[in-house]
Structures are given as structure tokens and as C-alpha cells.
Amino acid sequence: MHELKSGILNNKMSILIAGRDINVMRRQRQVLSNVSFKISTKEIVSLIGPNGAGKSTLLKILSR
């Protein structure tokens, strides 16, 4: 079991999904650069950002 300094995983929650060092290039443009994250069970997460920030791209990568 992992334990984060923030205490999120201290009460035996397991990691539901994680990404590490995700990089995506589209049309000669870096859309995502070194994106890393961990989402635990029972955790609520939102993905926000301006148009063109790579939100949909990240979700498409995760769905594959």
C-alpha cells in the first residue's frame, strides 16, 4: 500500500488509475508535457483548464 505525504492514501484506499510522464505531440506542438498523477478509489477529481490545454487529449489517452 502506498502512503502519500498529503495523507490521501493513509486510510487504505487503493490507486484506481495512475499516469506517469505522459507526453503528447500534435501537429508539431507539445500538447502534454510530463503529466503524472494518481487517482485513488473514493476520490473525486475534476479536470479543468482553458481551451486547448490538453484535457480531452489526456482523457483520450487514458481510455486506450
Protein backbone atom coordinates (compact mmCIF):
# COMPACT_ATOMS: atom_id res chain seq x y z
CA MET A 1 0.00 0.00 0.00
CA HIS A 2 1.29 3.45 -0.89
CA GLU A 3 1.35 6.32 1.56
CA LEU A 4 1.44 9.90 0.33
CA LYS A 5 2.63 12.82 2.44
CA SER A 6 -0.72 14.56 1.91
CA GLY A 7 -2.44 11.70 3.74
CA ILE A 8 -4.80 10.88 0.89
CA LEU A 9 -3.89 7.19 0.88
CA ASN A 10 -3.38 6.69 4.62
CA ASN A 11 -6.76 5.02 5.18
CA LYS A 12 -6.12 2.02 2.91
CA MET A 13 -7.51 3.48 -0.32
CA SER A 14 -6.01 1.84 -3.37
CA ILE A 15 -4.92 3.54 -6.57
CA LEU A 16 -7.67 3.34 -9.17
CA ILE A 17 -5.73 4.85 -12.08
CA ALA A 18 -2.32 6.45 -12.50
CA GLY A 19 -0.31 8.06 -15.25
CA ARG A 20 3.39 8.83 -15.31
CA ASP A 21 5.40 11.09 -17.60
CA ILE A 22 2.70 11.37 -20.29
CA ASN A 23 3.88 13.34 -23.32
CA VAL A 24 1.81 14.05 -26.45
CA MET A 25 2.75 15.90 -29.63
CA ARG A 26 0.09 17.05 -32.10
CA ARG A 27 0.95 18.86 -35.35
CA GLN A 28 4.48 19.74 -34.24
CA ARG A 29 3.11 21.13 -30.93
CA GLN A 30 3.66 19.71 -27.44
CA VAL A 31 0.12 19.26 -26.09
CA LEU A 32 1.01 17.38 -22.89
CA SER A 33 4.41 17.50 -21.24
CA ASN A 34 5.45 15.16 -18.40
CA VAL A 35 1.95 14.79 -16.91
CA SER A 36 1.86 12.47 -13.88
CA PHE A 37 -0.98 11.73 -11.45
CA LYS A 38 -2.57 9.13 -9.17
CA ILE A 39 -6.29 8.84 -8.51
CA SER A 40 -7.41 6.71 -5.58
CA THR A 41 -10.69 4.94 -5.01
CA LYS A 42 -13.37 7.13 -3.39
CA GLU A 43 -11.55 10.25 -4.61
CA ILE A 44 -13.42 12.90 -6.60
CA VAL A 45 -11.35 14.55 -9.33
CA SER A 46 -12.08 17.30 -11.85
CA LEU A 47 -10.06 18.18 -14.90
CA ILE A 48 -10.17 21.90 -15.63
CA GLY A 49 -8.23 24.26 -17.86
CA PRO A 50 -8.53 26.66 -20.78
CA ASN A 51 -9.41 25.62 -24.33
CA GLY A 52 -6.50 23.82 -25.96
CA ALA A 53 -4.83 22.87 -22.66
CA GLY A 54 -4.99 19.12 -23.40
CA LYS A 55 -7.89 17.98 -21.20
CA SER A 56 -9.63 15.94 -23.92
CA THR A 57 -6.30 14.63 -25.16
CA LEU A 58 -5.45 13.31 -21.70
CA LEU A 59 -8.84 11.59 -21.40
CA LYS A 60 -8.45 10.01 -24.86
CA ILE A 61 -5.01 8.67 -23.90
CA LEU A 62 -6.41 7.19 -20.67
CA SER A 63 -9.31 5.50 -22.47
CA ARG A 64 -7.00 3.44 -24.71
